[in-house]
N, C-alpha and C. Protein backbone atom coordinates (compact mmCIF):
# COMPACT_ATOMS: atom_id res chain seq x y z
N MET A 1 0.91 -1.25 -0.13
CA MET A 1 -0.12 0.03 0.07
C MET A 1 1.07 1.19 -0.14
N LEU A 2 0.67 2.32 -0.44
CA LEU A 2 1.26 3.38 -1.01
C LEU A 2 0.93 4.50 0.29
N GLU A 3 1.98 4.99 0.47
CA GLU A 3 2.11 5.97 1.88
C GLU A 3 0.96 6.99 1.97
N ILE A 4 0.62 7.32 3.18
CA ILE A 4 0.02 8.69 3.12
C ILE A 4 0.86 9.75 2.87
N GLY A 5 0.58 10.81 2.13
CA GLY A 5 1.44 11.74 2.17
C GLY A 5 2.39 11.96 0.96
N THR A 6 2.43 11.04 0.15
CA THR A 6 2.75 10.51 -1.06
C THR A 6 2.32 11.14 -2.10
N LYS A 7 2.98 11.31 -3.16
CA LYS A 7 2.27 11.78 -4.67
C LYS A 7 1.54 10.64 -5.18
N ALA A 8 0.41 10.72 -5.82
CA ALA A 8 -0.11 9.43 -6.18
C ALA A 8 0.51 9.05 -7.59
N PRO A 9 0.71 7.92 -8.13
CA PRO A 9 1.14 7.90 -9.39
C PRO A 9 0.26 7.89 -10.35
N ASP A 10 0.59 8.37 -11.42
CA ASP A 10 -0.32 9.09 -12.49
C ASP A 10 -0.82 7.76 -13.07
N PHE A 11 -1.51 8.11 -14.13
CA PHE A 11 -2.31 6.95 -14.78
C PHE A 11 -2.96 7.41 -16.16
N THR A 12 -2.99 6.59 -17.10
CA THR A 12 -3.73 6.63 -18.25
C THR A 12 -4.55 5.32 -18.52
N LEU A 13 -5.68 5.12 -18.39
CA LEU A 13 -6.51 4.23 -18.32
C LEU A 13 -7.83 4.50 -19.27
N PRO A 14 -8.45 3.15 -20.04
CA PRO A 14 -9.75 3.54 -20.65
C PRO A 14 -10.73 3.18 -19.85
N ASP A 15 -12.13 4.13 -19.66
CA ASP A 15 -13.19 3.62 -19.18
C ASP A 15 -14.17 2.52 -20.00
N SER A 16 -15.27 2.42 -19.30
CA SER A 16 -16.36 1.42 -19.96
C SER A 16 -16.66 1.64 -21.45
N ASP A 17 -16.16 2.79 -21.58
CA ASP A 17 -16.78 3.33 -23.29
C ASP A 17 -15.42 3.29 -23.97
N GLY A 18 -14.18 3.24 -23.56
CA GLY A 18 -12.89 3.12 -24.03
C GLY A 18 -12.33 4.47 -24.05
N LYS A 19 -12.94 5.86 -23.30
CA LYS A 19 -12.35 6.67 -23.30
C LYS A 19 -11.38 6.90 -22.17
N GLU A 20 -10.19 7.76 -22.36
CA GLU A 20 -8.95 7.57 -21.78
C GLU A 20 -8.90 8.60 -20.50
N HIS A 21 -8.57 8.10 -19.01
CA HIS A 21 -8.91 8.87 -18.25
C HIS A 21 -7.29 9.17 -17.81
N SER A 22 -6.69 10.07 -17.28
CA SER A 22 -5.51 9.81 -16.43
C SER A 22 -5.83 10.92 -15.05
N LEU A 23 -4.93 10.74 -14.02
CA LEU A 23 -5.17 11.44 -12.90
C LEU A 23 -4.90 13.03 -13.20
N ALA A 24 -4.32 13.45 -13.70
CA ALA A 24 -4.29 14.79 -14.28
C ALA A 24 -5.80 15.22 -14.60
N ASP A 25 -6.73 14.45 -15.20
CA ASP A 25 -7.99 14.91 -15.27
C ASP A 25 -8.80 15.37 -14.34
N TYR A 26 -8.36 14.76 -12.76
CA TYR A 26 -8.93 15.07 -11.71
C TYR A 26 -8.06 16.09 -11.09
N ARG A 27 -7.17 16.80 -11.12
CA ARG A 27 -6.62 17.68 -10.66
C ARG A 27 -7.50 18.87 -10.18
N GLY A 28 -7.61 19.42 -8.74
CA GLY A 28 -8.29 20.32 -8.36
C GLY A 28 -9.46 19.86 -7.73
N ARG A 29 -9.54 18.42 -7.93
CA ARG A 29 -10.72 17.79 -7.18
C ARG A 29 -10.47 16.65 -6.32
N LYS A 30 -10.97 16.18 -5.06
CA LYS A 30 -10.30 15.25 -4.33
C LYS A 30 -10.95 14.14 -5.30
N LEU A 31 -10.50 12.62 -4.83
CA LEU A 31 -10.72 11.37 -5.64
C LEU A 31 -10.84 10.55 -4.79
N ILE A 32 -11.71 9.70 -4.93
CA ILE A 32 -11.53 8.27 -4.43
C ILE A 32 -11.01 6.97 -5.45
N LEU A 33 -9.91 6.78 -5.37
CA LEU A 33 -9.46 6.00 -6.28
C LEU A 33 -9.76 4.26 -5.44
N TYR A 34 -10.59 3.46 -6.13
CA TYR A 34 -10.60 2.22 -5.31
C TYR A 34 -10.28 1.12 -6.36
N PHE A 35 -9.55 0.05 -5.86
CA PHE A 35 -9.09 -0.98 -6.50
C PHE A 35 -10.06 -2.31 -6.17
N TYR A 36 -10.57 -2.83 -7.13
CA TYR A 36 -11.13 -4.36 -6.62
C TYR A 36 -11.13 -5.31 -7.77
N PRO A 37 -11.01 -6.33 -7.13
CA PRO A 37 -10.77 -7.77 -7.81
C PRO A 37 -11.68 -7.96 -8.95
N LYS A 38 -12.94 -7.84 -9.08
CA LYS A 38 -13.75 -8.53 -10.38
C LYS A 38 -14.93 -8.29 -10.46
N ASP A 39 -15.36 -7.88 -11.65
CA ASP A 39 -16.86 -7.13 -11.95
C ASP A 39 -17.72 -8.50 -11.46
N ASN A 40 -19.07 -8.24 -11.14
CA ASN A 40 -20.53 -9.10 -10.88
C ASN A 40 -19.85 -10.14 -9.82
N THR A 41 -18.73 -10.03 -9.00
CA THR A 41 -19.01 -10.84 -8.09
C THR A 41 -19.56 -10.21 -6.81
N ALA A 42 -19.98 -11.12 -5.83
CA ALA A 42 -20.75 -10.32 -4.80
C ALA A 42 -20.05 -9.43 -3.93
N GLY A 43 -19.08 -9.41 -3.73
CA GLY A 43 -18.40 -8.57 -3.11
C GLY A 43 -18.17 -7.02 -3.68
N CYS A 44 -17.86 -7.33 -5.07
CA CYS A 44 -17.57 -6.10 -5.80
C CYS A 44 -18.73 -5.17 -6.24
N THR A 45 -19.75 -6.20 -6.56
CA THR A 45 -21.22 -5.37 -6.67
C THR A 45 -21.70 -4.83 -5.43
N LYS A 46 -21.32 -5.30 -4.19
CA LYS A 46 -21.51 -4.65 -3.07
C LYS A 46 -21.18 -3.32 -2.88
N GLN A 47 -19.60 -3.35 -3.09
CA GLN A 47 -18.78 -2.18 -3.02
C GLN A 47 -19.42 -1.07 -3.90
N ALA A 48 -19.27 -1.23 -5.39
CA ALA A 48 -19.84 -0.57 -6.23
C ALA A 48 -21.31 0.03 -6.16
N CYS A 49 -22.23 -0.73 -5.94
CA CYS A 49 -23.61 -0.36 -5.57
C CYS A 49 -23.44 0.98 -4.08
N GLY A 50 -23.04 0.32 -3.54
CA GLY A 50 -22.58 1.39 -2.11
C GLY A 50 -21.96 2.60 -2.69
N PHE A 51 -20.91 2.54 -3.32
CA PHE A 51 -20.48 3.77 -3.97
C PHE A 51 -21.43 4.39 -4.81
N ALA A 52 -22.59 3.72 -5.75
CA ALA A 52 -23.38 4.48 -6.67
C ALA A 52 -24.51 5.04 -5.57
N GLU A 53 -24.87 4.60 -4.65
CA GLU A 53 -25.83 4.88 -3.43
C GLU A 53 -25.65 6.26 -3.07
N LEU A 54 -24.40 6.29 -2.54
CA LEU A 54 -23.81 7.63 -1.97
C LEU A 54 -23.06 8.40 -2.79
N TYR A 55 -23.13 8.10 -4.09
CA TYR A 55 -22.44 9.34 -4.78
C TYR A 55 -22.81 10.54 -5.03
N PRO A 56 -24.13 10.64 -4.59
CA PRO A 56 -24.72 12.08 -4.56
C PRO A 56 -24.10 12.73 -3.33
N GLN A 57 -23.62 12.21 -2.12
CA GLN A 57 -23.13 12.69 -1.17
C GLN A 57 -21.77 13.03 -1.23
N PHE A 58 -20.91 12.02 -2.16
CA PHE A 58 -19.66 12.37 -2.29
C PHE A 58 -19.58 13.66 -3.38
N ARG A 59 -20.10 13.88 -4.34
CA ARG A 59 -20.34 15.05 -5.31
C ARG A 59 -20.53 16.27 -4.43
N GLU A 60 -21.54 15.94 -3.32
CA GLU A 60 -22.03 17.29 -2.55
C GLU A 60 -20.38 17.79 -1.89
N LYS A 61 -19.58 17.05 -1.56
CA LYS A 61 -18.00 17.07 -1.12
C LYS A 61 -17.37 17.38 -1.92
N GLY A 62 -17.62 17.81 -3.25
CA GLY A 62 -16.75 17.80 -4.20
C GLY A 62 -15.45 16.65 -4.43
N VAL A 63 -15.98 15.28 -4.24
CA VAL A 63 -15.52 14.32 -4.40
C VAL A 63 -15.77 13.47 -5.82
N GLU A 64 -14.75 12.91 -6.40
CA GLU A 64 -15.28 12.01 -7.46
C GLU A 64 -14.76 10.65 -7.35
N ILE A 65 -15.33 9.82 -7.81
CA ILE A 65 -14.78 7.91 -7.56
C ILE A 65 -14.45 7.44 -8.85
N ILE A 66 -13.54 6.79 -9.11
CA ILE A 66 -12.98 5.82 -9.98
C ILE A 66 -12.99 4.51 -9.22
N GLY A 67 -13.22 3.70 -9.84
CA GLY A 67 -13.05 2.37 -9.48
C GLY A 67 -12.08 1.77 -10.80
N VAL A 68 -11.17 0.74 -10.24
CA VAL A 68 -10.02 0.18 -11.30
C VAL A 68 -9.97 -1.58 -10.92
N SER A 69 -10.10 -2.27 -11.83
CA SER A 69 -9.82 -3.41 -11.78
C SER A 69 -9.03 -3.59 -12.95
N ARG A 70 -9.00 -5.14 -13.33
CA ARG A 70 -8.38 -6.03 -14.44
C ARG A 70 -9.05 -6.14 -15.39
N ASP A 71 -10.52 -6.23 -15.29
CA ASP A 71 -11.00 -6.53 -16.25
C ASP A 71 -11.42 -5.48 -17.45
N SER A 72 -11.79 -6.34 -18.42
CA SER A 72 -11.88 -5.68 -19.45
C SER A 72 -12.69 -4.51 -20.02
N VAL A 73 -12.73 -3.66 -21.14
CA VAL A 73 -13.53 -2.49 -21.11
C VAL A 73 -14.96 -3.08 -21.02
N ALA A 74 -14.83 -3.96 -22.08
CA ALA A 74 -16.41 -4.62 -22.44
C ALA A 74 -17.22 -4.83 -20.83
N SER A 75 -16.08 -5.75 -20.16
CA SER A 75 -16.62 -6.11 -18.98
C SER A 75 -17.46 -5.05 -17.98
N HIS A 76 -16.61 -4.17 -17.91
CA HIS A 76 -16.65 -3.09 -17.27
C HIS A 76 -18.32 -2.28 -17.79
N LYS A 77 -18.30 -2.14 -19.37
CA LYS A 77 -19.35 -1.49 -19.71
C LYS A 77 -20.50 -2.32 -19.24
N LYS A 78 -20.82 -3.60 -19.46
CA LYS A 78 -21.78 -4.45 -18.92
C LYS A 78 -22.14 -4.14 -17.43
N PHE A 79 -21.14 -4.22 -16.48
CA PHE A 79 -21.10 -4.01 -14.98
C PHE A 79 -21.75 -2.83 -14.79
N ALA A 80 -21.57 -1.70 -15.17
CA ALA A 80 -21.83 -0.31 -14.96
C ALA A 80 -23.24 -0.22 -15.53
N GLU A 81 -23.53 -0.91 -16.79
CA GLU A 81 -25.11 -1.03 -17.03
C GLU A 81 -25.79 -1.62 -16.35
N LYS A 82 -25.50 -2.87 -16.08
CA LYS A 82 -26.29 -3.65 -15.21
C LYS A 82 -26.56 -3.09 -13.80
N PHE A 83 -25.80 -2.22 -13.18
CA PHE A 83 -26.22 -2.01 -12.04
C PHE A 83 -26.19 0.13 -11.98
N GLY A 84 -26.48 0.46 -12.85
CA GLY A 84 -26.46 1.80 -13.16
C GLY A 84 -25.39 2.56 -12.50
N LEU A 85 -24.28 2.23 -12.44
CA LEU A 85 -22.77 3.20 -11.86
C LEU A 85 -22.79 4.65 -12.70
N PRO A 86 -23.11 5.33 -11.32
CA PRO A 86 -22.71 7.10 -12.05
C PRO A 86 -21.34 7.31 -12.14
N PHE A 87 -20.55 6.35 -12.01
CA PHE A 87 -19.20 6.90 -11.75
C PHE A 87 -18.19 6.25 -12.67
N THR A 88 -16.99 6.21 -12.90
CA THR A 88 -16.01 5.83 -13.59
C THR A 88 -15.55 4.57 -13.14
N ILE A 89 -15.46 3.48 -13.92
CA ILE A 89 -14.65 2.67 -13.61
C ILE A 89 -13.61 2.11 -14.96
N LEU A 90 -12.36 2.19 -14.44
CA LEU A 90 -11.26 2.19 -15.64
C LEU A 90 -10.89 0.20 -15.72
N SER A 91 -10.26 0.19 -16.78
CA SER A 91 -9.67 -1.29 -17.17
C SER A 91 -8.17 -1.07 -17.07
N ASP A 92 -7.69 -2.03 -16.26
CA ASP A 92 -6.06 -2.15 -16.20
C ASP A 92 -5.77 -3.45 -16.78
N PRO A 93 -5.97 -4.48 -17.73
CA PRO A 93 -5.93 -5.56 -17.77
C PRO A 93 -4.21 -6.01 -17.52
N GLU A 94 -3.38 -5.21 -17.91
CA GLU A 94 -2.00 -5.03 -18.01
C GLU A 94 -1.33 -5.07 -16.21
N LEU A 95 -2.24 -4.85 -15.58
CA LEU A 95 -1.97 -4.67 -13.84
C LEU A 95 -0.75 -3.12 -14.03
N ASN A 96 -0.76 -2.50 -15.09
CA ASN A 96 0.17 -1.31 -14.74
C ASN A 96 -0.05 -0.56 -13.63
N VAL A 97 -1.50 0.04 -13.50
CA VAL A 97 -1.90 0.97 -12.48
C VAL A 97 -1.89 0.12 -11.13
N ILE A 98 -2.62 -1.25 -11.35
CA ILE A 98 -2.79 -1.63 -10.25
C ILE A 98 -1.28 -2.34 -9.52
N LYS A 99 -0.25 -2.34 -10.03
CA LYS A 99 0.84 -2.38 -9.33
C LYS A 99 1.57 -0.84 -9.06
N ALA A 100 1.45 -0.14 -9.85
CA ALA A 100 1.93 1.24 -9.23
C ALA A 100 1.53 1.67 -8.16
N TYR A 101 0.02 0.99 -7.74
CA TYR A 101 -0.61 1.65 -6.48
C TYR A 101 -0.72 0.36 -5.32
N ASP A 102 0.59 -0.45 -5.41
CA ASP A 102 0.53 -1.60 -4.86
C ASP A 102 -0.59 -2.38 -4.26
N VAL A 103 -1.28 -2.88 -5.19
CA VAL A 103 -2.45 -3.67 -4.85
C VAL A 103 -2.50 -4.84 -5.25
N TRP A 104 -1.48 -5.26 -6.05
CA TRP A 104 -1.47 -6.76 -6.64
C TRP A 104 -0.25 -7.67 -5.74
N LYS A 105 -1.10 -8.35 -4.80
CA LYS A 105 -0.45 -8.92 -3.84
C LYS A 105 -0.70 -10.55 -3.96
N GLU A 106 0.03 -11.50 -2.87
CA GLU A 106 -0.38 -12.55 -2.79
C GLU A 106 -1.45 -12.61 -1.92
N LYS A 107 -2.20 -13.70 -2.29
CA LYS A 107 -3.75 -13.81 -1.67
C LYS A 107 -3.68 -14.98 -1.38
N LYS A 108 -4.22 -15.61 -0.08
CA LYS A 108 -4.58 -17.03 0.31
C LYS A 108 -6.13 -17.34 0.13
N ASN A 109 -6.53 -17.95 -0.18
CA ASN A 109 -7.69 -18.76 -0.43
C ASN A 109 -8.08 -20.36 -0.13
N TYR A 110 -8.43 -20.71 0.84
CA TYR A 110 -8.66 -21.99 1.35
C TYR A 110 -7.43 -22.56 0.72
N GLY A 111 -6.15 -21.81 1.88
CA GLY A 111 -4.84 -22.67 1.66
C GLY A 111 -4.12 -22.71 0.36
N LYS A 112 -5.09 -22.24 -0.65
CA LYS A 112 -3.96 -21.90 -2.15
C LYS A 112 -3.66 -20.65 -2.32
N VAL A 113 -2.29 -20.30 -2.54
CA VAL A 113 -1.81 -18.80 -2.70
C VAL A 113 -1.85 -18.56 -4.26
N THR A 114 -2.54 -17.50 -4.40
CA THR A 114 -2.54 -16.89 -5.69
C THR A 114 -2.10 -15.44 -5.82
N MET A 115 -1.87 -14.62 -6.71
CA MET A 115 -1.70 -13.25 -6.98
C MET A 115 -3.20 -12.87 -7.40
N GLY A 116 -3.42 -11.61 -6.79
CA GLY A 116 -4.44 -10.58 -7.33
C GLY A 116 -4.15 -9.44 -6.52
N VAL A 117 -5.73 -9.05 -6.81
CA VAL A 117 -6.09 -7.62 -6.39
C VAL A 117 -6.47 -7.58 -4.99
N VAL A 118 -5.76 -6.84 -4.24
CA VAL A 118 -6.40 -6.59 -2.74
C VAL A 118 -7.12 -5.49 -2.58
N ARG A 119 -8.15 -5.63 -2.28
CA ARG A 119 -8.96 -4.49 -2.40
C ARG A 119 -8.76 -3.43 -1.43
N THR A 120 -8.43 -2.17 -2.11
CA THR A 120 -7.88 -1.04 -1.51
C THR A 120 -8.65 0.50 -2.16
N THR A 121 -8.89 1.12 -1.19
CA THR A 121 -9.21 2.53 -1.35
C THR A 121 -7.99 3.71 -1.03
N TYR A 122 -7.92 4.53 -2.18
CA TYR A 122 -7.41 5.70 -1.72
C TYR A 122 -7.98 6.86 -2.04
N LEU A 123 -7.82 7.96 -0.79
CA LEU A 123 -8.52 9.26 -1.13
C LEU A 123 -7.19 10.09 -1.54
N ILE A 124 -7.38 10.98 -2.82
CA ILE A 124 -6.10 11.46 -3.36
C ILE A 124 -6.73 13.16 -3.37
N ASP A 125 -5.79 14.03 -2.62
CA ASP A 125 -6.62 15.30 -2.50
C ASP A 125 -6.27 16.18 -4.26
N GLU A 126 -6.84 17.28 -3.94
CA GLU A 126 -6.92 18.19 -5.32
C GLU A 126 -5.39 18.38 -6.09
N ASN A 127 -4.26 18.15 -5.14
CA ASN A 127 -2.97 18.46 -5.57
C ASN A 127 -2.43 17.16 -6.17
N GLY A 128 -2.94 15.68 -5.99
CA GLY A 128 -2.93 14.51 -6.30
C GLY A 128 -1.70 14.06 -5.37
N MET A 129 -1.95 14.26 -4.04
CA MET A 129 -1.20 13.73 -2.63
C MET A 129 -2.10 12.53 -2.17
N ILE A 130 -1.74 11.58 -1.60
CA ILE A 130 -2.61 10.50 -1.20
C ILE A 130 -2.77 10.79 0.30
N ILE A 131 -4.05 11.09 0.71
CA ILE A 131 -4.37 11.56 2.09
C ILE A 131 -5.16 10.72 2.72
N ARG A 132 -5.37 9.72 2.11
CA ARG A 132 -6.25 8.34 3.22
C ARG A 132 -5.56 6.86 2.15
N ALA A 133 -5.22 6.12 2.85
CA ALA A 133 -5.19 4.51 2.29
C ALA A 133 -5.73 3.62 3.22
N ALA A 134 -6.54 2.95 2.86
CA ALA A 134 -7.29 1.83 3.37
C ALA A 134 -7.25 0.38 2.59
N GLU A 135 -6.37 -0.38 2.93
CA GLU A 135 -6.01 -1.75 2.20
C GLU A 135 -7.14 -2.83 3.04
N LYS A 136 -7.42 -3.99 2.14
CA LYS A 136 -8.10 -5.09 2.60
C LYS A 136 -9.54 -4.74 3.34
N VAL A 137 -10.00 -3.62 2.47
CA VAL A 137 -11.47 -3.06 3.28
C VAL A 137 -12.76 -4.00 2.90
N LYS A 138 -13.46 -4.18 3.86
CA LYS A 138 -14.66 -4.80 3.58
C LYS A 138 -15.68 -3.91 2.49
N ALA A 139 -16.10 -5.03 1.30
CA ALA A 139 -16.64 -4.19 0.31
C ALA A 139 -17.92 -3.62 0.86
N ALA A 140 -18.59 -4.38 1.65
CA ALA A 140 -19.98 -3.48 2.08
C ALA A 140 -19.58 -2.23 3.18
N ASP A 141 -18.99 -2.09 3.72
CA ASP A 141 -18.36 -1.09 4.42
C ASP A 141 -17.82 0.07 3.89
N ASP A 142 -16.76 -0.28 2.94
CA ASP A 142 -16.07 0.72 2.46
C ASP A 142 -16.51 2.26 1.70
N PRO A 143 -17.89 2.20 1.29
CA PRO A 143 -18.07 3.24 0.75
C PRO A 143 -18.70 4.28 1.85
N GLN A 144 -19.40 3.79 2.95
CA GLN A 144 -19.88 4.28 4.07
C GLN A 144 -18.23 4.76 4.60
N ASN A 145 -17.61 4.09 5.06
CA ASN A 145 -16.31 4.43 5.88
C ASN A 145 -15.54 5.48 4.78
N SER A 146 -15.69 5.65 3.71
CA SER A 146 -14.85 6.50 2.86
C SER A 146 -15.55 7.73 3.06
N LEU A 147 -16.76 7.93 2.80
CA LEU A 147 -17.40 9.31 2.89
C LEU A 147 -17.25 9.62 4.40
N ALA A 148 -17.62 8.97 5.51
CA ALA A 148 -17.20 9.49 6.84
C ALA A 148 -15.97 9.86 7.01
N ALA A 149 -14.75 9.36 6.30
CA ALA A 149 -13.38 9.98 6.31
C ALA A 149 -13.06 11.50 6.14
N LEU A 150 -14.35 11.96 4.79
CA LEU A 150 -14.15 13.16 4.06
C LEU A 150 -14.42 14.39 5.53
């Protein structure tokens, strides 16, 4: 996990429509950048729908939300449409940004060790600095906890 007080790594990734987004696009605004393992799984759906439900409150506080996973643009499009997600989700199949934000790690599941995305949420300030970092967050609680931290 990246340290609080460090500069957030820049990125350029496509959204569910294939439009490129970079960290610089959000300069001057606070940003919740959350990393999740996979579209259409129980935890990831709970987390995304939680952020969607609270999205108006985040916007009132001047905060934008971006989700990132290694799923394809096409998968993200279906996921966003199925659940009416009002925020941007970005596709990182090459793991460039996932690794830059130090969320690609060993995971143990039923004694089996694999590599995967550890559910992590960063709050980045208007100048691109990390001001909050939460690793191994609970999917259902993360949106509310993120809002409470603002």
